[in-house]
Amino acid sequence: MENTGLRERKKAETRQAVHEAALRLAVEHGFDHVTVEAIADAANISRRTFSNYFASKEDALLHGDLTNIRTLARLVRERPAGEPPWQAMHAAVHDLNRAIGEPEREWAIRARLAKRHPSVLARQLANFASLESELAQFIAERGTGEDAAGDRPRVMAAAFMTALRLAGHLWTADDETRSLAAVTDDVLDQMSRPFT
């Protein structure tokens, strides 16, 4: 059992090292000029080992985002059963922000890279679409009355994800003068009015 824990920790460390190498190289050379081979070399792993962890350089670059998305989905599912869906999702964002703290510059860099490179943006949007689908299912299962009716769960999930994306864009455009948590709260509060 202890060996399994050590093995998983080493895998997580390798995955993080590859992610950091991808980010550093993308910032230094531009994402289009970075190859999977260069990322593998910078992380001191083989090309084959890279493929064991990531399907593409886009996945390696967005590893942090995907980790946060998976954590947010788990936190939403763990909210109290009687909590209205929008409040549960908003509270889960607070829980995530407390767990990870204020994002470092790396998050803003990834967000800016995504805006400039269609392949990164496409992968990021696919990750967000996956979370949106999970949230719609959560809303349909947990919602009552109007919240669970018809297309409402999908509309609410899409609005919530749009608010998160918009908050990220506003935060990076504002040169991070306010905390991401403050910007996110403001946008979620404005977006929630039709859902609360």
N, C-alpha and C. Protein backbone atom coordinates (compact mmCIF):
# COMPACT_ATOMS: atom_id res chain seq x y z
N MET A 1 0.82 -1.20 0.00
CA MET A 1 0.00 0.00 0.00
C MET A 1 0.86 1.26 0.00
N GLU A 2 1.94 1.24 0.79
CA GLU A 2 2.84 2.38 0.85
C GLU A 2 3.53 2.60 -0.50
N ASN A 3 3.89 1.50 -1.18
CA ASN A 3 4.51 1.60 -2.50
C ASN A 3 3.56 2.23 -3.51
N THR A 4 2.26 1.92 -3.40
CA THR A 4 1.27 2.52 -4.29
C THR A 4 1.21 4.02 -4.08
N GLY A 5 1.22 4.45 -2.83
CA GLY A 5 1.20 5.89 -2.52
C GLY A 5 2.43 6.59 -3.06
N LEU A 6 3.59 5.97 -2.91
CA LEU A 6 4.83 6.55 -3.41
C LEU A 6 4.81 6.62 -4.93
N ARG A 7 4.31 5.57 -5.56
CA ARG A 7 4.23 5.54 -7.03
C ARG A 7 3.32 6.65 -7.54
N GLU A 8 2.17 6.82 -6.90
CA GLU A 8 1.23 7.86 -7.31
C GLU A 8 1.81 9.25 -7.10
N ARG A 9 2.54 9.43 -6.01
CA ARG A 9 3.17 10.73 -5.73
C ARG A 9 4.23 11.04 -6.79
N LYS A 10 5.01 10.03 -7.17
CA LYS A 10 6.04 10.22 -8.20
C LYS A 10 5.39 10.54 -9.55
N LYS A 11 4.27 9.89 -9.86
CA LYS A 11 3.55 10.20 -11.10
C LYS A 11 3.06 11.64 -11.09
N ALA A 12 2.50 12.06 -9.95
CA ALA A 12 2.01 13.43 -9.84
C ALA A 12 3.15 14.43 -10.00
N GLU A 13 4.31 14.12 -9.41
CA GLU A 13 5.47 15.00 -9.53
C GLU A 13 5.95 15.08 -10.97
N THR A 14 5.97 13.95 -11.67
CA THR A 14 6.38 13.95 -13.07
C THR A 14 5.40 14.75 -13.91
N ARG A 15 4.13 14.53 -13.68
CA ARG A 15 3.09 15.26 -14.42
C ARG A 15 3.26 16.77 -14.21
N GLN A 16 3.50 17.18 -12.96
CA GLN A 16 3.69 18.59 -12.66
C GLN A 16 4.96 19.13 -13.31
N ALA A 17 6.04 18.35 -13.31
CA ALA A 17 7.30 18.79 -13.94
C ALA A 17 7.12 18.99 -15.44
N VAL A 18 6.37 18.10 -16.08
CA VAL A 18 6.12 18.23 -17.51
C VAL A 18 5.27 19.47 -17.77
N HIS A 19 4.26 19.68 -16.96
CA HIS A 19 3.41 20.88 -17.08
C HIS A 19 4.24 22.15 -16.95
N GLU A 20 5.09 22.21 -15.94
CA GLU A 20 5.91 23.41 -15.72
C GLU A 20 6.89 23.62 -16.87
N ALA A 21 7.44 22.54 -17.41
CA ALA A 21 8.34 22.66 -18.55
C ALA A 21 7.59 23.20 -19.77
N ALA A 22 6.39 22.70 -20.00
CA ALA A 22 5.59 23.17 -21.13
C ALA A 22 5.28 24.65 -21.00
N LEU A 23 4.91 25.06 -19.82
CA LEU A 23 4.58 26.47 -19.58
C LEU A 23 5.81 27.35 -19.78
N ARG A 24 6.93 26.95 -19.19
CA ARG A 24 8.16 27.75 -19.30
C ARG A 24 8.59 27.88 -20.76
N LEU A 25 8.60 26.78 -21.48
CA LEU A 25 9.02 26.82 -22.89
C LEU A 25 8.06 27.65 -23.74
N ALA A 26 6.78 27.55 -23.46
CA ALA A 26 5.79 28.33 -24.21
C ALA A 26 6.00 29.82 -24.00
N VAL A 27 6.33 30.20 -22.78
CA VAL A 27 6.57 31.61 -22.48
C VAL A 27 7.87 32.08 -23.12
N GLU A 28 8.91 31.24 -23.06
CA GLU A 28 10.23 31.61 -23.59
C GLU A 28 10.28 31.64 -25.11
N HIS A 29 9.62 30.67 -25.77
CA HIS A 29 9.79 30.51 -27.22
C HIS A 29 8.53 30.72 -28.03
N GLY A 30 7.40 30.87 -27.37
CA GLY A 30 6.13 30.92 -28.07
C GLY A 30 5.60 29.51 -28.26
N PHE A 31 4.33 29.31 -28.02
CA PHE A 31 3.75 27.97 -27.99
C PHE A 31 3.93 27.24 -29.32
N ASP A 32 3.80 27.96 -30.43
CA ASP A 32 3.92 27.32 -31.74
C ASP A 32 5.31 26.76 -32.01
N HIS A 33 6.30 27.28 -31.31
CA HIS A 33 7.69 26.84 -31.53
C HIS A 33 8.13 25.77 -30.54
N VAL A 34 7.23 25.30 -29.71
CA VAL A 34 7.56 24.29 -28.71
C VAL A 34 7.06 22.94 -29.20
N THR A 35 7.94 21.96 -29.14
CA THR A 35 7.57 20.59 -29.54
C THR A 35 7.42 19.71 -28.31
N VAL A 36 6.73 18.61 -28.49
CA VAL A 36 6.61 17.63 -27.42
C VAL A 36 8.00 17.13 -27.01
N GLU A 37 8.87 16.93 -28.00
CA GLU A 37 10.23 16.47 -27.71
C GLU A 37 10.97 17.47 -26.83
N ALA A 38 10.82 18.77 -27.12
CA ALA A 38 11.48 19.79 -26.31
C ALA A 38 10.95 19.80 -24.88
N ILE A 39 9.64 19.62 -24.74
CA ILE A 39 9.05 19.57 -23.39
C ILE A 39 9.57 18.35 -22.64
N ALA A 40 9.61 17.21 -23.30
CA ALA A 40 10.11 15.99 -22.66
C ALA A 40 11.56 16.18 -22.23
N ASP A 41 12.38 16.75 -23.10
CA ASP A 41 13.79 17.00 -22.75
C ASP A 41 13.89 17.92 -21.54
N ALA A 42 13.11 18.99 -21.54
CA ALA A 42 13.18 19.95 -20.44
C ALA A 42 12.72 19.34 -19.12
N ALA A 43 11.85 18.34 -19.20
CA ALA A 43 11.36 17.67 -17.99
C ALA A 43 12.19 16.43 -17.64
N ASN A 44 13.25 16.18 -18.42
CA ASN A 44 14.14 15.03 -18.20
C ASN A 44 13.41 13.68 -18.29
N ILE A 45 12.55 13.58 -19.29
CA ILE A 45 11.84 12.32 -19.54
C ILE A 45 11.93 12.01 -21.03
N SER A 46 11.59 10.80 -21.39
CA SER A 46 11.58 10.42 -22.81
C SER A 46 10.27 10.86 -23.46
N ARG A 47 10.27 10.87 -24.78
CA ARG A 47 9.06 11.19 -25.54
C ARG A 47 7.96 10.18 -25.21
N ARG A 48 8.36 8.93 -25.07
CA ARG A 48 7.40 7.88 -24.74
C ARG A 48 6.78 8.11 -23.36
N THR A 49 7.61 8.50 -22.39
CA THR A 49 7.10 8.79 -21.05
C THR A 49 6.13 9.97 -21.10
N PHE A 50 6.46 10.99 -21.91
CA PHE A 50 5.54 12.12 -22.08
C PHE A 50 4.17 11.59 -22.49
N SER A 51 4.15 10.68 -23.46
CA SER A 51 2.88 10.14 -23.97
C SER A 51 2.11 9.33 -22.92
N ASN A 52 2.80 8.82 -21.92
CA ASN A 52 2.12 8.13 -20.83
C ASN A 52 1.34 9.09 -19.94
N TYR A 53 1.73 10.35 -19.96
CA TYR A 53 1.11 11.35 -19.09
C TYR A 53 0.15 12.29 -19.83
N PHE A 54 0.52 12.67 -21.05
CA PHE A 54 -0.27 13.65 -21.79
C PHE A 54 -0.42 13.24 -23.25
N ALA A 55 -1.57 13.54 -23.81
CA ALA A 55 -1.83 13.21 -25.21
C ALA A 55 -1.24 14.25 -26.16
N SER A 56 -1.00 15.47 -25.66
CA SER A 56 -0.53 16.56 -26.52
C SER A 56 0.17 17.61 -25.68
N LYS A 57 0.85 18.52 -26.36
CA LYS A 57 1.50 19.63 -25.65
C LYS A 57 0.44 20.57 -25.06
N GLU A 58 -0.73 20.65 -25.70
CA GLU A 58 -1.82 21.46 -25.15
C GLU A 58 -2.27 20.91 -23.80
N ASP A 59 -2.40 19.59 -23.71
CA ASP A 59 -2.80 18.96 -22.45
C ASP A 59 -1.76 19.20 -21.37
N ALA A 60 -0.48 19.15 -21.74
CA ALA A 60 0.58 19.40 -20.76
C ALA A 60 0.51 20.83 -20.26
N LEU A 61 0.28 21.77 -21.16
CA LEU A 61 0.22 23.18 -20.79
C LEU A 61 -0.97 23.45 -19.87
N LEU A 62 -2.11 22.79 -20.14
CA LEU A 62 -3.34 23.07 -19.41
C LEU A 62 -3.58 22.12 -18.23
N HIS A 63 -2.57 21.38 -17.85
CA HIS A 63 -2.71 20.42 -16.74
C HIS A 63 -3.26 21.08 -15.47
N GLY A 64 -2.75 22.26 -15.13
CA GLY A 64 -3.23 22.95 -13.92
C GLY A 64 -4.71 23.28 -14.00
N ASP A 65 -5.15 23.74 -15.17
CA ASP A 65 -6.57 24.04 -15.37
C ASP A 65 -7.42 22.79 -15.18
N LEU A 66 -6.98 21.70 -15.80
CA LEU A 66 -7.76 20.46 -15.72
C LEU A 66 -7.83 19.95 -14.29
N THR A 67 -6.74 20.07 -13.55
CA THR A 67 -6.74 19.66 -12.15
C THR A 67 -7.76 20.49 -11.36
N ASN A 68 -7.79 21.79 -11.60
CA ASN A 68 -8.75 22.66 -10.90
C ASN A 68 -10.18 22.34 -11.30
N ILE A 69 -10.41 22.01 -12.57
CA ILE A 69 -11.75 21.66 -13.03
C ILE A 69 -12.23 20.39 -12.33
N ARG A 70 -11.36 19.40 -12.26
CA ARG A 70 -11.74 18.15 -11.59
C ARG A 70 -12.01 18.38 -10.10
N THR A 71 -11.19 19.22 -9.48
CA THR A 71 -11.40 19.53 -8.06
C THR A 71 -12.71 20.26 -7.87
N LEU A 72 -13.01 21.23 -8.73
CA LEU A 72 -14.27 21.97 -8.62
C LEU A 72 -15.46 21.03 -8.77
N ALA A 73 -15.41 20.13 -9.74
CA ALA A 73 -16.51 19.17 -9.93
C ALA A 73 -16.72 18.33 -8.67
N ARG A 74 -15.63 17.89 -8.07
CA ARG A 74 -15.73 17.09 -6.82
C ARG A 74 -16.31 17.93 -5.69
N LEU A 75 -15.86 19.18 -5.56
CA LEU A 75 -16.36 20.05 -4.49
C LEU A 75 -17.85 20.35 -4.65
N VAL A 76 -18.30 20.51 -5.89
CA VAL A 76 -19.73 20.73 -6.13
C VAL A 76 -20.52 19.52 -5.67
N ARG A 77 -20.06 18.33 -6.03
CA ARG A 77 -20.78 17.10 -5.64
C ARG A 77 -20.81 16.92 -4.12
N GLU A 78 -19.82 17.45 -3.42
CA GLU A 78 -19.74 17.29 -1.97
C GLU A 78 -20.56 18.32 -1.19
N ARG A 79 -21.17 19.27 -1.85
CA ARG A 79 -21.97 20.29 -1.16
C ARG A 79 -23.21 19.63 -0.53
N PRO A 80 -23.76 20.25 0.53
CA PRO A 80 -24.94 19.68 1.20
C PRO A 80 -26.12 19.48 0.25
N ALA A 81 -26.83 18.40 0.44
CA ALA A 81 -27.90 17.99 -0.47
C ALA A 81 -29.00 19.04 -0.64
N GLY A 82 -29.36 19.77 0.41
CA GLY A 82 -30.46 20.72 0.32
C GLY A 82 -30.09 22.08 -0.23
N GLU A 83 -28.83 22.29 -0.53
CA GLU A 83 -28.36 23.60 -1.00
C GLU A 83 -28.80 23.83 -2.44
N PRO A 84 -29.40 24.98 -2.76
CA PRO A 84 -29.80 25.25 -4.14
C PRO A 84 -28.57 25.18 -5.07
N PRO A 85 -28.78 24.73 -6.31
CA PRO A 85 -27.65 24.48 -7.20
C PRO A 85 -26.70 25.66 -7.40
N TRP A 86 -27.23 26.85 -7.67
CA TRP A 86 -26.33 27.98 -7.93
C TRP A 86 -25.48 28.29 -6.70
N GLN A 87 -26.11 28.29 -5.53
CA GLN A 87 -25.37 28.55 -4.30
C GLN A 87 -24.33 27.47 -4.04
N ALA A 88 -24.67 26.22 -4.35
CA ALA A 88 -23.72 25.12 -4.17
C ALA A 88 -22.50 25.30 -5.07
N MET A 89 -22.73 25.67 -6.33
CA MET A 89 -21.62 25.86 -7.25
C MET A 89 -20.76 27.05 -6.84
N HIS A 90 -21.42 28.13 -6.42
CA HIS A 90 -20.69 29.33 -5.98
C HIS A 90 -19.86 29.00 -4.72
N ALA A 91 -20.46 28.28 -3.79
CA ALA A 91 -19.74 27.90 -2.57
C ALA A 91 -18.56 26.99 -2.90
N ALA A 92 -18.73 26.11 -3.89
CA ALA A 92 -17.64 25.22 -4.30
C ALA A 92 -16.47 26.02 -4.88
N VAL A 93 -16.78 27.10 -5.60
CA VAL A 93 -15.72 27.98 -6.12
C VAL A 93 -14.96 28.61 -4.95
N HIS A 94 -15.70 29.03 -3.91
CA HIS A 94 -15.04 29.57 -2.71
C HIS A 94 -14.14 28.52 -2.08
N ASP A 95 -14.64 27.29 -1.98
CA ASP A 95 -13.85 26.19 -1.40
C ASP A 95 -12.58 25.97 -2.22
N LEU A 96 -12.71 26.00 -3.54
CA LEU A 96 -11.55 25.81 -4.41
C LEU A 96 -10.55 26.96 -4.22
N ASN A 97 -11.06 28.18 -4.19
CA ASN A 97 -10.17 29.34 -4.00
C ASN A 97 -9.42 29.26 -2.68
N ARG A 98 -10.11 28.81 -1.64
CA ARG A 98 -9.43 28.64 -0.35
C ARG A 98 -8.36 27.56 -0.43
N ALA A 99 -8.65 26.49 -1.15
CA ALA A 99 -7.71 25.37 -1.25
C ALA A 99 -6.47 25.72 -2.05
N ILE A 100 -6.65 26.45 -3.16
CA ILE A 100 -5.49 26.74 -4.02
C ILE A 100 -4.90 28.12 -3.78
N GLY A 101 -5.64 28.99 -3.11
CA GLY A 101 -5.15 30.35 -2.90
C GLY A 101 -5.27 31.18 -4.17
N GLU A 102 -4.81 32.40 -4.08
CA GLU A 102 -4.85 33.29 -5.25
C GLU A 102 -3.92 32.73 -6.32
N PRO A 103 -4.40 32.66 -7.56
CA PRO A 103 -3.56 32.10 -8.63
C PRO A 103 -2.25 32.87 -8.78
N GLU A 104 -1.24 32.12 -9.15
CA GLU A 104 0.05 32.74 -9.42
C GLU A 104 0.04 33.29 -10.84
N ARG A 105 1.10 33.96 -11.20
CA ARG A 105 1.23 34.52 -12.54
C ARG A 105 1.04 33.44 -13.61
N GLU A 106 1.40 32.21 -13.28
CA GLU A 106 1.30 31.13 -14.25
C GLU A 106 -0.12 30.99 -14.79
N TRP A 107 -1.11 31.19 -13.95
CA TRP A 107 -2.49 31.06 -14.41
C TRP A 107 -2.81 32.13 -15.43
N ALA A 108 -2.39 33.36 -15.15
CA ALA A 108 -2.64 34.46 -16.09
C ALA A 108 -1.90 34.21 -17.40
N ILE A 109 -0.69 33.67 -17.31
CA ILE A 109 0.08 33.37 -18.52
C ILE A 109 -0.65 32.34 -19.36
N ARG A 110 -1.15 31.26 -18.73
CA ARG A 110 -1.89 30.23 -19.48
C ARG A 110 -3.13 30.82 -20.14
N ALA A 111 -3.83 31.70 -19.40
CA ALA A 111 -5.04 32.31 -19.94
C ALA A 111 -4.70 33.16 -21.17
N ARG A 112 -3.62 33.91 -21.08
CA ARG A 112 -3.21 34.73 -22.23
C ARG A 112 -2.77 33.86 -23.40
N LEU A 113 -2.06 32.77 -23.11
CA LEU A 113 -1.65 31.85 -24.17
C LEU A 113 -2.87 31.27 -24.88
N ALA A 114 -3.87 30.91 -24.10
CA ALA A 114 -5.08 30.32 -24.67
C ALA A 114 -5.75 31.27 -25.64
N LYS A 115 -5.72 32.56 -25.33
CA LYS A 115 -6.35 33.54 -26.20
C LYS A 115 -5.60 33.67 -27.53
N ARG A 116 -4.30 33.43 -27.52
CA ARG A 116 -3.49 33.63 -28.72
C ARG A 116 -3.31 32.39 -29.58
N HIS A 117 -3.56 31.21 -29.04
CA HIS A 117 -3.29 29.97 -29.77
C HIS A 117 -4.56 29.14 -29.87
N PRO A 118 -5.09 29.01 -31.07
CA PRO A 118 -6.35 28.29 -31.24
C PRO A 118 -6.34 26.87 -30.69
N SER A 119 -5.22 26.15 -30.82
CA SER A 119 -5.21 24.76 -30.34
C SER A 119 -5.30 24.70 -28.81
N VAL A 120 -4.70 25.67 -28.12
CA VAL A 120 -4.79 25.71 -26.66
C VAL A 120 -6.20 26.11 -26.25
N LEU A 121 -6.75 27.11 -26.93
CA LEU A 121 -8.11 27.56 -26.62
C LEU A 121 -9.11 26.43 -26.85
N ALA A 122 -8.94 25.70 -27.94
CA ALA A 122 -9.86 24.59 -28.23
C ALA A 122 -9.80 23.54 -27.13
N ARG A 123 -8.61 23.21 -26.67
CA ARG A 123 -8.46 22.20 -25.60
C ARG A 123 -9.05 22.72 -24.30
N GLN A 124 -8.80 24.00 -24.01
CA GLN A 124 -9.34 24.60 -22.79
C GLN A 124 -10.87 24.60 -22.83
N LEU A 125 -11.44 24.95 -23.96
CA LEU A 125 -12.90 24.95 -24.09
C LEU A 125 -13.48 23.55 -23.97
N ALA A 126 -12.76 22.55 -24.47
CA ALA A 126 -13.22 21.16 -24.31
C ALA A 126 -13.23 20.77 -22.84
N ASN A 127 -12.21 21.21 -22.09
CA ASN A 127 -12.17 20.93 -20.64
C ASN A 127 -13.35 21.61 -19.95
N PHE A 128 -13.61 22.87 -20.32
CA PHE A 128 -14.73 23.60 -19.71
C PHE A 128 -16.07 22.96 -20.08
N ALA A 129 -16.20 22.49 -21.30
CA ALA A 129 -17.45 21.84 -21.73
C ALA A 129 -17.71 20.59 -20.92
N SER A 130 -16.65 19.86 -20.59
CA SER A 130 -16.80 18.66 -19.77
C SER A 130 -17.33 19.02 -18.39
N LEU A 131 -16.77 20.07 -17.78
CA LEU A 131 -17.26 20.51 -16.47
C LEU A 131 -18.70 21.02 -16.58
N GLU A 132 -19.00 21.76 -17.63
CA GLU A 132 -20.35 22.27 -17.82
C GLU A 132 -21.36 21.12 -17.87
N SER A 133 -21.01 20.05 -18.55
CA SER A 133 -21.89 18.89 -18.64
C SER A 133 -22.09 18.26 -17.25
N GLU A 134 -21.03 18.14 -16.47
CA GLU A 134 -21.14 17.61 -15.11
C GLU A 134 -22.02 18.48 -14.24
N LEU A 135 -21.86 19.81 -14.39
CA LEU A 135 -22.67 20.74 -13.58
C LEU A 135 -24.14 20.65 -13.97
N ALA A 136 -24.42 20.52 -15.26
CA ALA A 136 -25.82 20.39 -15.69
C ALA A 136 -26.45 19.13 -15.10
N GLN A 137 -25.68 18.06 -15.06
CA GLN A 137 -26.19 16.81 -14.46
C GLN A 137 -26.43 17.01 -12.97
N PHE A 138 -25.49 17.68 -12.29
CA PHE A 138 -25.64 17.98 -10.87
C PHE A 138 -26.91 18.79 -10.62
N ILE A 139 -27.13 19.82 -11.43
CA ILE A 139 -28.30 20.68 -11.27
C ILE A 139 -29.58 19.89 -11.49
N ALA A 140 -29.60 19.06 -12.52
CA ALA A 140 -30.79 18.25 -12.82
C ALA A 140 -31.10 17.29 -11.67
N GLU A 141 -30.06 16.72 -11.06
CA GLU A 141 -30.27 15.77 -9.97
C GLU A 141 -30.63 16.45 -8.66
N ARG A 142 -30.00 17.59 -8.38
CA ARG A 142 -30.17 18.26 -7.09
C ARG A 142 -31.23 19.36 -7.10
N GLY A 143 -31.51 19.89 -8.29
CA GLY A 143 -32.44 21.01 -8.37
C GLY A 143 -33.87 20.58 -8.07
N THR A 144 -34.67 21.54 -7.70
CA THR A 144 -36.09 21.28 -7.46
C THR A 144 -36.90 22.26 -8.29
N GLY A 145 -38.12 21.88 -8.61
CA GLY A 145 -39.01 22.78 -9.34
C GLY A 145 -38.41 23.24 -10.65
N GLU A 146 -38.41 24.55 -10.84
CA GLU A 146 -37.96 25.16 -12.09
C GLU A 146 -36.49 24.85 -12.39
N ASP A 147 -35.65 24.78 -11.34
CA ASP A 147 -34.22 24.54 -11.55
C ASP A 147 -33.95 23.22 -12.26
N ALA A 148 -34.79 22.22 -12.06
CA ALA A 148 -34.56 20.90 -12.63
C ALA A 148 -35.38 20.66 -13.89
N ALA A 149 -36.17 21.64 -14.30
CA ALA A 149 -37.11 21.44 -15.41
C ALA A 149 -36.49 21.76 -16.77
N GLY A 150 -36.87 20.99 -17.77
CA GLY A 150 -36.50 21.27 -19.15
C GLY A 150 -35.01 21.48 -19.37
N ASP A 151 -34.70 22.56 -20.07
CA ASP A 151 -33.31 22.90 -20.37
C ASP A 151 -32.65 23.73 -19.27
N ARG A 152 -33.38 24.03 -18.23
CA ARG A 152 -32.87 24.92 -17.17
C ARG A 152 -31.52 24.46 -16.61
N PRO A 153 -31.30 23.16 -16.32
CA PRO A 153 -29.98 22.76 -15.80
C PRO A 153 -28.84 23.09 -16.76
N ARG A 154 -29.07 22.88 -18.05
CA ARG A 154 -28.02 23.19 -19.03
C ARG A 154 -27.80 24.69 -19.15
N VAL A 155 -28.89 25.46 -19.10
CA VAL A 155 -28.77 26.92 -19.18
C VAL A 155 -28.01 27.45 -17.96
N MET A 156 -28.37 26.94 -16.78
CA MET A 156 -27.73 27.40 -15.56
C MET A 156 -26.25 27.02 -15.54
N ALA A 157 -25.93 25.80 -15.95
CA ALA A 157 -24.53 25.36 -15.99
C ALA A 157 -23.73 26.19 -16.99
N ALA A 158 -24.31 26.47 -18.14
CA ALA A 158 -23.63 27.29 -19.15
C ALA A 158 -23.42 28.71 -18.64
N ALA A 159 -24.41 29.27 -17.95
CA ALA A 159 -24.26 30.62 -17.39
C ALA A 159 -23.16 30.64 -16.33
N PHE A 160 -23.12 29.60 -15.51
CA PHE A 160 -22.11 29.53 -14.46
C PHE A 160 -20.71 29.46 -15.07
N MET A 161 -20.53 28.59 -16.07
CA MET A 161 -19.22 28.46 -16.71
C MET A 161 -18.84 29.73 -17.46
N THR A 162 -19.81 30.38 -18.08
CA THR A 162 -19.54 31.66 -18.75
C THR A 162 -19.06 32.69 -17.73
N ALA A 163 -19.69 32.70 -16.56
CA ALA A 163 -19.27 33.64 -15.51
C ALA A 163 -17.83 33.37 -15.09
N LEU A 164 -17.47 32.09 -14.93
CA LEU A 164 -16.09 31.76 -14.53
C LEU A 164 -15.09 32.18 -15.61
N ARG A 165 -15.43 31.91 -16.88
CA ARG A 165 -14.52 32.30 -17.97
C ARG A 165 -14.40 33.82 -18.04
N LEU A 166 -15.53 34.52 -17.92
CA LEU A 166 -15.51 35.97 -17.99
C LEU A 166 -14.70 36.55 -16.83
N ALA A 167 -14.86 36.00 -15.65
CA ALA A 167 -14.08 36.49 -14.50
C ALA A 167 -12.59 36.34 -14.77
N GLY A 168 -12.19 35.20 -15.33
CA GLY A 168 -10.78 35.00 -15.66
C GLY A 168 -10.29 36.02 -16.68
N HIS A 169 -11.09 36.28 -17.70
CA HIS A 169 -10.71 37.26 -18.72
C HIS A 169 -10.62 38.66 -18.13
N LEU A 170 -11.60 39.03 -17.31
CA LEU A 170 -11.58 40.36 -16.69
C LEU A 170 -10.37 40.53 -15.78
N TRP A 171 -10.07 39.47 -15.03
CA TRP A 171 -8.93 39.53 -14.10
C TRP A 171 -7.62 39.72 -14.85
N THR A 172 -7.42 38.95 -15.93
CA THR A 172 -6.16 39.10 -16.66
C THR A 172 -6.10 40.42 -17.42
N ALA A 173 -7.24 40.89 -17.94
CA ALA A 173 -7.26 42.17 -18.65
C ALA A 173 -7.00 43.33 -17.71
N ASP A 174 -7.35 43.15 -16.45
CA ASP A 174 -7.19 44.20 -15.44
C ASP A 174 -5.80 44.16 -14.81
N ASP A 175 -4.88 43.37 -15.40
CA ASP A 175 -3.53 43.21 -14.85
C ASP A 175 -3.54 42.80 -13.40
N GLU A 176 -4.56 42.01 -13.04
CA GLU A 176 -4.66 41.41 -11.71
C GLU A 176 -4.62 42.44 -10.58
N THR A 177 -5.24 43.63 -10.78
CA THR A 177 -5.27 44.62 -9.70
C THR A 177 -6.21 44.21 -8.58
N ARG A 178 -7.25 43.46 -8.91
CA ARG A 178 -8.12 42.86 -7.89
C ARG A 178 -7.83 41.38 -7.84
N SER A 179 -8.17 40.74 -6.75
CA SER A 179 -7.96 39.30 -6.67
C SER A 179 -8.93 38.60 -7.61
N LEU A 180 -8.53 37.43 -8.10
CA LEU A 180 -9.41 36.65 -8.96
C LEU A 180 -10.67 36.26 -8.19
N ALA A 181 -10.53 35.96 -6.90
CA ALA A 181 -11.69 35.59 -6.10
C ALA A 181 -12.71 36.73 -6.05
N ALA A 182 -12.23 37.97 -5.90
CA ALA A 182 -13.13 39.12 -5.84
C ALA A 182 -13.83 39.34 -7.18
N VAL A 183 -13.08 39.23 -8.27
CA VAL A 183 -13.67 39.39 -9.60
C VAL A 183 -14.69 38.29 -9.85
N THR A 184 -14.35 37.05 -9.48
CA THR A 184 -15.26 35.92 -9.69
C THR A 184 -16.54 36.09 -8.89
N ASP A 185 -16.42 36.50 -7.63
CA ASP A 185 -17.62 36.74 -6.81
C ASP A 185 -18.51 37.79 -7.45
N ASP A 186 -17.91 38.87 -7.93
CA ASP A 186 -18.69 39.95 -8.53
C ASP A 186 -19.44 39.45 -9.77
N VAL A 187 -18.75 38.74 -10.65
CA VAL A 187 -19.38 38.25 -11.88
C VAL A 187 -20.45 37.20 -11.55
N LEU A 188 -20.14 36.27 -10.63
CA LEU A 188 -21.13 35.25 -10.27
C LEU A 188 -22.38 35.88 -9.63
N ASP A 189 -22.18 36.91 -8.81
CA ASP A 189 -23.33 37.59 -8.21
C ASP A 189 -24.20 38.24 -9.28
N GLN A 190 -23.56 38.89 -10.27
CA GLN A 190 -24.34 39.51 -11.34
C GLN A 190 -25.05 38.47 -12.19
N MET A 191 -24.35 37.39 -12.49
CA MET A 191 -24.92 36.34 -13.35
C MET A 191 -26.02 35.57 -12.64
N SER A 192 -25.97 35.50 -11.32
CA SER A 192 -26.90 34.65 -10.57
C SER A 192 -28.31 35.20 -10.49
N ARG A 193 -28.50 36.45 -10.75
CA ARG A 193 -29.81 37.06 -10.49
C ARG A 193 -30.98 36.29 -11.09
N PRO A 194 -30.87 35.80 -12.32
CA PRO A 194 -32.00 35.01 -12.84
C PRO A 194 -32.14 33.61 -12.20
N PHE A 195 -31.12 33.15 -11.45
CA PHE A 195 -31.12 31.79 -10.95
C PHE A 195 -31.29 31.69 -9.43
N THR A 196 -31.46 32.83 -8.77
CA THR A 196 -31.61 32.80 -7.30
C THR A 196 -32.87 33.52 -6.87
